[in-house]
Amino acid sequence: MNEIGYRIKRIRKENNLNQSQFAQSIGISQGYLSEIEMGNGNPSAETLISIRA
């Protein structure tokens, strides 16, 4: 897991959301969120802004 993936996972867990709920709330697929959290994908700037909002 890379640093960004770890941070995103931490934010998701702090909000008591599963991957499907969190992915839907930020406008990406659950599979893509999983890839990001595992360090196999990089979130776009738009995705990062959605998480921050």
PDB file of N, CA and C in Angstrom:
ATOM      1  N   MET A   1       0.844  -1.178   0.000  1.00  0.00           N
ATOM      2  CA  MET A   1       0.000   0.000   0.000  1.00  0.00           C
ATOM      3  C   MET A   1       0.886   1.236   0.000  1.00  0.00           C
ATOM      4  N   ASN A   2       0.557   2.181  -0.863  1.00  0.00           N
ATOM      5  CA  ASN A   2       1.331   3.412  -0.896  1.00  0.00           C
ATOM      6  C   ASN A   2       0.734   4.429   0.082  1.00  0.00           C
ATOM      7  N   GLU A   3       1.394   5.533   0.243  1.00  0.00           N
ATOM      8  CA  GLU A   3       0.965   6.539   1.224  1.00  0.00           C
ATOM      9  C   GLU A   3      -0.417   7.099   0.898  1.00  0.00           C
ATOM     10  N   ILE A   4      -0.666   7.437  -0.354  1.00  0.00           N
ATOM     11  CA  ILE A   4      -1.964   8.020  -0.706  1.00  0.00           C
ATOM     12  C   ILE A   4      -3.075   7.001  -0.499  1.00  0.00           C
ATOM     13  N   GLY A   5      -2.827   5.759  -0.871  1.00  0.00           N
ATOM     14  CA  GLY A   5      -3.818   4.712  -0.663  1.00  0.00           C
ATOM     15  C   GLY A   5      -4.124   4.513   0.809  1.00  0.00           C
ATOM     16  N   TYR A   6      -3.096   4.538   1.628  1.00  0.00           N
ATOM     17  CA  TYR A   6      -3.262   4.393   3.072  1.00  0.00           C
ATOM     18  C   TYR A   6      -4.096   5.536   3.631  1.00  0.00           C
ATOM     19  N   ARG A   7      -3.818   6.742   3.203  1.00  0.00           N
ATOM     20  CA  ARG A   7      -4.547   7.910   3.706  1.00  0.00           C
ATOM     21  C   ARG A   7      -6.008   7.876   3.296  1.00  0.00           C
ATOM     22  N   ILE A   8      -6.266   7.477   2.057  1.00  0.00           N
ATOM     23  CA  ILE A   8      -7.644   7.392   1.588  1.00  0.00           C
ATOM     24  C   ILE A   8      -8.402   6.324   2.371  1.00  0.00           C
ATOM     25  N   LYS A   9      -7.777   5.197   2.594  1.00  0.00           N
ATOM     26  CA  LYS A   9      -8.412   4.135   3.371  1.00  0.00           C
ATOM     27  C   LYS A   9      -8.711   4.609   4.786  1.00  0.00           C
ATOM     28  N   ARG A  10      -7.782   5.338   5.374  1.00  0.00           N
ATOM     29  CA  ARG A  10      -7.973   5.861   6.727  1.00  0.00           C
ATOM     30  C   ARG A  10      -9.158   6.825   6.783  1.00  0.00           C
ATOM     31  N   ILE A  11      -9.262   7.702   5.775  1.00  0.00           N
ATOM     32  CA  ILE A  11     -10.389   8.642   5.708  1.00  0.00           C
ATOM     33  C   ILE A  11     -11.708   7.870   5.600  1.00  0.00           C
ATOM     34  N   ARG A  12     -11.717   6.860   4.751  1.00  0.00           N
ATOM     35  CA  ARG A  12     -12.923   6.047   4.578  1.00  0.00           C
ATOM     36  C   ARG A  12     -13.327   5.390   5.889  1.00  0.00           C
ATOM     37  N   LYS A  13     -12.372   4.803   6.573  1.00  0.00           N
ATOM     38  CA  LYS A  13     -12.672   4.103   7.825  1.00  0.00           C
ATOM     39  C   LYS A  13     -13.078   5.078   8.932  1.00  0.00           C
ATOM     40  N   GLU A  14     -12.482   6.262   8.965  1.00  0.00           N
ATOM     41  CA  GLU A  14     -12.856   7.269   9.958  1.00  0.00           C
ATOM     42  C   GLU A  14     -14.310   7.690   9.790  1.00  0.00           C
ATOM     43  N   ASN A  15     -14.819   7.595   8.565  1.00  0.00           N
ATOM     44  CA  ASN A  15     -16.204   7.959   8.276  1.00  0.00           C
ATOM     45  C   ASN A  15     -17.136   6.750   8.326  1.00  0.00           C
ATOM     46  N   ASN A  16     -16.603   5.612   8.789  1.00  0.00           N
ATOM     47  CA  ASN A  16     -17.384   4.387   8.942  1.00  0.00           C
ATOM     48  C   ASN A  16     -18.121   3.991   7.671  1.00  0.00           C
ATOM     49  N   LEU A  17     -17.406   4.038   6.542  1.00  0.00           N
ATOM     50  CA  LEU A  17     -17.980   3.671   5.251  1.00  0.00           C
ATOM     51  C   LEU A  17     -17.270   2.452   4.698  1.00  0.00           C
ATOM     52  N   ASN A  18     -18.028   1.591   4.011  1.00  0.00           N
ATOM     53  CA  ASN A  18     -17.370   0.505   3.298  1.00  0.00           C
ATOM     54  C   ASN A  18     -16.916   1.041   1.940  1.00  0.00           C
ATOM     55  N   GLN A  19     -16.185   0.234   1.199  1.00  0.00           N
ATOM     56  CA  GLN A  19     -15.643   0.711  -0.073  1.00  0.00           C
ATOM     57  C   GLN A  19     -16.742   1.126  -1.043  1.00  0.00           C
ATOM     58  N   SER A  20     -17.817   0.384  -1.103  1.00  0.00           N
ATOM     59  CA  SER A  20     -18.907   0.710  -2.032  1.00  0.00           C
ATOM     60  C   SER A  20     -19.533   2.056  -1.695  1.00  0.00           C
ATOM     61  N   GLN A  21     -19.804   2.284  -0.431  1.00  0.00           N
ATOM     62  CA  GLN A  21     -20.406   3.547  -0.005  1.00  0.00           C
ATOM     63  C   GLN A  21     -19.485   4.729  -0.288  1.00  0.00           C
ATOM     64  N   PHE A  22     -18.213   4.568   0.060  1.00  0.00           N
ATOM     65  CA  PHE A  22     -17.258   5.659  -0.123  1.00  0.00           C
ATOM     66  C   PHE A  22     -17.039   5.940  -1.609  1.00  0.00           C
ATOM     67  N   ALA A  23     -16.899   4.885  -2.390  1.00  0.00           N
ATOM     68  CA  ALA A  23     -16.685   5.058  -3.829  1.00  0.00           C
ATOM     69  C   ALA A  23     -17.861   5.786  -4.454  1.00  0.00           C
ATOM     70  N   GLN A  24     -19.068   5.416  -4.078  1.00  0.00           N
ATOM     71  CA  GLN A  24     -20.251   6.072  -4.624  1.00  0.00           C
ATOM     72  C   GLN A  24     -20.285   7.549  -4.229  1.00  0.00           C
ATOM     73  N   SER A  25     -19.887   7.850  -3.003  1.00  0.00           N
ATOM     74  CA  SER A  25     -19.938   9.229  -2.527  1.00  0.00           C
ATOM     75  C   SER A  25     -18.925  10.134  -3.232  1.00  0.00           C
ATOM     76  N   ILE A  26     -17.841   9.553  -3.758  1.00  0.00           N
ATOM     77  CA  ILE A  26     -16.837  10.377  -4.445  1.00  0.00           C
ATOM     78  C   ILE A  26     -16.872  10.188  -5.961  1.00  0.00           C
ATOM     79  N   GLY A  27     -17.796   9.353  -6.439  1.00  0.00           N
ATOM     80  CA  GLY A  27     -18.016   9.242  -7.876  1.00  0.00           C
ATOM     81  C   GLY A  27     -17.070   8.330  -8.639  1.00  0.00           C
ATOM     82  N   ILE A  28     -16.576   7.278  -7.977  1.00  0.00           N
ATOM     83  CA  ILE A  28     -15.733   6.295  -8.661  1.00  0.00           C
ATOM     84  C   ILE A  28     -16.276   4.901  -8.374  1.00  0.00           C
ATOM     85  N   SER A  29     -15.773   3.910  -9.078  1.00  0.00           N
ATOM     86  CA  SER A  29     -16.221   2.541  -8.838  1.00  0.00           C
ATOM     87  C   SER A  29     -15.534   1.963  -7.608  1.00  0.00           C
ATOM     88  N   GLN A  30     -16.185   0.971  -7.025  1.00  0.00           N
ATOM     89  CA  GLN A  30     -15.606   0.304  -5.861  1.00  0.00           C
ATOM     90  C   GLN A  30     -14.305  -0.378  -6.247  1.00  0.00           C
ATOM     91  N   GLY A  31     -14.247  -0.958  -7.436  1.00  0.00           N
ATOM     92  CA  GLY A  31     -13.031  -1.627  -7.884  1.00  0.00           C
ATOM     93  C   GLY A  31     -11.853  -0.672  -8.006  1.00  0.00           C
ATOM     94  N   TYR A  32     -12.123   0.517  -8.527  1.00  0.00           N
ATOM     95  CA  TYR A  32     -11.060   1.522  -8.662  1.00  0.00           C
ATOM     96  C   TYR A  32     -10.596   1.992  -7.283  1.00  0.00           C
ATOM     97  N   LEU A  33     -11.532   2.177  -6.358  1.00  0.00           N
ATOM     98  CA  LEU A  33     -11.158   2.559  -4.996  1.00  0.00           C
ATOM     99  C   LEU A  33     -10.276   1.489  -4.374  1.00  0.00           C
ATOM    100  N   SER A  34     -10.633   0.242  -4.575  1.00  0.00           N
ATOM    101  CA  SER A  34      -9.836  -0.862  -4.056  1.00  0.00           C
ATOM    102  C   SER A  34      -8.416  -0.811  -4.610  1.00  0.00           C
ATOM    103  N   GLU A  35      -8.294  -0.580  -5.906  1.00  0.00           N
ATOM    104  CA  GLU A  35      -6.965  -0.484  -6.531  1.00  0.00           C
ATOM    105  C   GLU A  35      -6.156   0.660  -5.917  1.00  0.00           C
ATOM    106  N   ILE A  36      -6.797   1.796  -5.695  1.00  0.00           N
ATOM    107  CA  ILE A  36      -6.110   2.943  -5.094  1.00  0.00           C
ATOM    108  C   ILE A  36      -5.631   2.588  -3.690  1.00  0.00           C
ATOM    109  N   GLU A  37      -6.519   1.995  -2.891  1.00  0.00           N
ATOM    110  CA  GLU A  37      -6.158   1.658  -1.505  1.00  0.00           C
ATOM    111  C   GLU A  37      -5.032   0.638  -1.443  1.00  0.00           C
ATOM    112  N   MET A  38      -4.967  -0.257  -2.414  1.00  0.00           N
ATOM    113  CA  MET A  38      -3.905  -1.263  -2.424  1.00  0.00           C
ATOM    114  C   MET A  38      -2.606  -0.728  -3.029  1.00  0.00           C
ATOM    115  N   GLY A  39      -2.639   0.481  -3.573  1.00  0.00           N
ATOM    116  CA  GLY A  39      -1.442   1.062  -4.162  1.00  0.00           C
ATOM    117  C   GLY A  39      -1.240   0.692  -5.615  1.00  0.00           C
ATOM    118  N   ASN A  40      -2.267   0.132  -6.250  1.00  0.00           N
ATOM    119  CA  ASN A  40      -2.155  -0.266  -7.658  1.00  0.00           C
ATOM    120  C   ASN A  40      -2.774   0.740  -8.613  1.00  0.00           C
ATOM    121  N   GLY A  41      -3.280   1.825  -8.093  1.00  0.00           N
ATOM    122  CA  GLY A  41      -3.870   2.870  -8.923  1.00  0.00           C
ATOM    123  C   GLY A  41      -3.624   4.215  -8.288  1.00  0.00           C
ATOM    124  N   ASN A  42      -3.662   5.238  -9.115  1.00  0.00           N
ATOM    125  CA  ASN A  42      -3.460   6.598  -8.613  1.00  0.00           C
ATOM    126  C   ASN A  42      -4.722   7.404  -8.825  1.00  0.00           C
ATOM    127  N   PRO A  43      -5.207   8.057  -7.775  1.00  0.00           N
ATOM    128  CA  PRO A  43      -6.419   8.852  -7.918  1.00  0.00           C
ATOM    129  C   PRO A  43      -6.161  10.100  -8.757  1.00  0.00           C
ATOM    130  N   SER A  44      -7.162  10.487  -9.518  1.00  0.00           N
ATOM    131  CA  SER A  44      -7.058  11.718 -10.296  1.00  0.00           C
ATOM    132  C   SER A  44      -7.190  12.910  -9.351  1.00  0.00           C
ATOM    133  N   ALA A  45      -6.866  14.069  -9.874  1.00  0.00           N
ATOM    134  CA  ALA A  45      -7.016  15.292  -9.084  1.00  0.00           C
ATOM    135  C   ALA A  45      -8.483  15.484  -8.713  1.00  0.00           C
ATOM    136  N   GLU A  46      -9.397  15.168  -9.623  1.00  0.00           N
ATOM    137  CA  GLU A  46     -10.824  15.303  -9.358  1.00  0.00           C
ATOM    138  C   GLU A  46     -11.249  14.387  -8.202  1.00  0.00           C
ATOM    139  N   THR A  47     -10.719  13.178  -8.183  1.00  0.00           N
ATOM    140  CA  THR A  47     -11.046  12.241  -7.113  1.00  0.00           C
ATOM    141  C   THR A  47     -10.540  12.773  -5.780  1.00  0.00           C
ATOM    142  N   LEU A  48      -9.344  13.293  -5.757  1.00  0.00           N
ATOM    143  CA  LEU A  48      -8.799  13.842  -4.511  1.00  0.00           C
ATOM    144  C   LEU A  48      -9.619  15.021  -4.019  1.00  0.00           C
ATOM    145  N   ILE A  49     -10.072  15.849  -4.939  1.00  0.00           N
ATOM    146  CA  ILE A  49     -10.913  16.999  -4.563  1.00  0.00           C
ATOM    147  C   ILE A  49     -12.237  16.502  -4.004  1.00  0.00           C
ATOM    148  N   SER A  50     -12.810  15.449  -4.606  1.00  0.00           N
ATOM    149  CA  SER A  50     -14.062  14.885  -4.112  1.00  0.00           C
ATOM    150  C   SER A  50     -13.916  14.343  -2.708  1.00  0.00           C
ATOM    151  N   ILE A  51     -12.789  13.733  -2.419  1.00  0.00           N
ATOM    152  CA  ILE A  51     -12.544  13.193  -1.080  1.00  0.00           C
ATOM    153  C   ILE A  51     -12.442  14.322  -0.069  1.00  0.00           C
ATOM    154  N   ARG A  52     -11.806  15.358  -0.460  1.00  0.00           N
ATOM    155  CA  ARG A  52     -11.582  16.492   0.444  1.00  0.00           C
ATOM    156  C   ARG A  52     -12.872  17.234   0.764  1.00  0.00           C
ATOM    157  N   ALA A  53     -13.801  17.247  -0.167  1.00  0.00           N
ATOM    158  CA  ALA A  53     -15.031  18.036  -0.018  1.00  0.00           C
ATOM    159  C   ALA A  53     -15.936  17.511   1.056  1.00  0.00           C
TER     160      ALA A  53
END
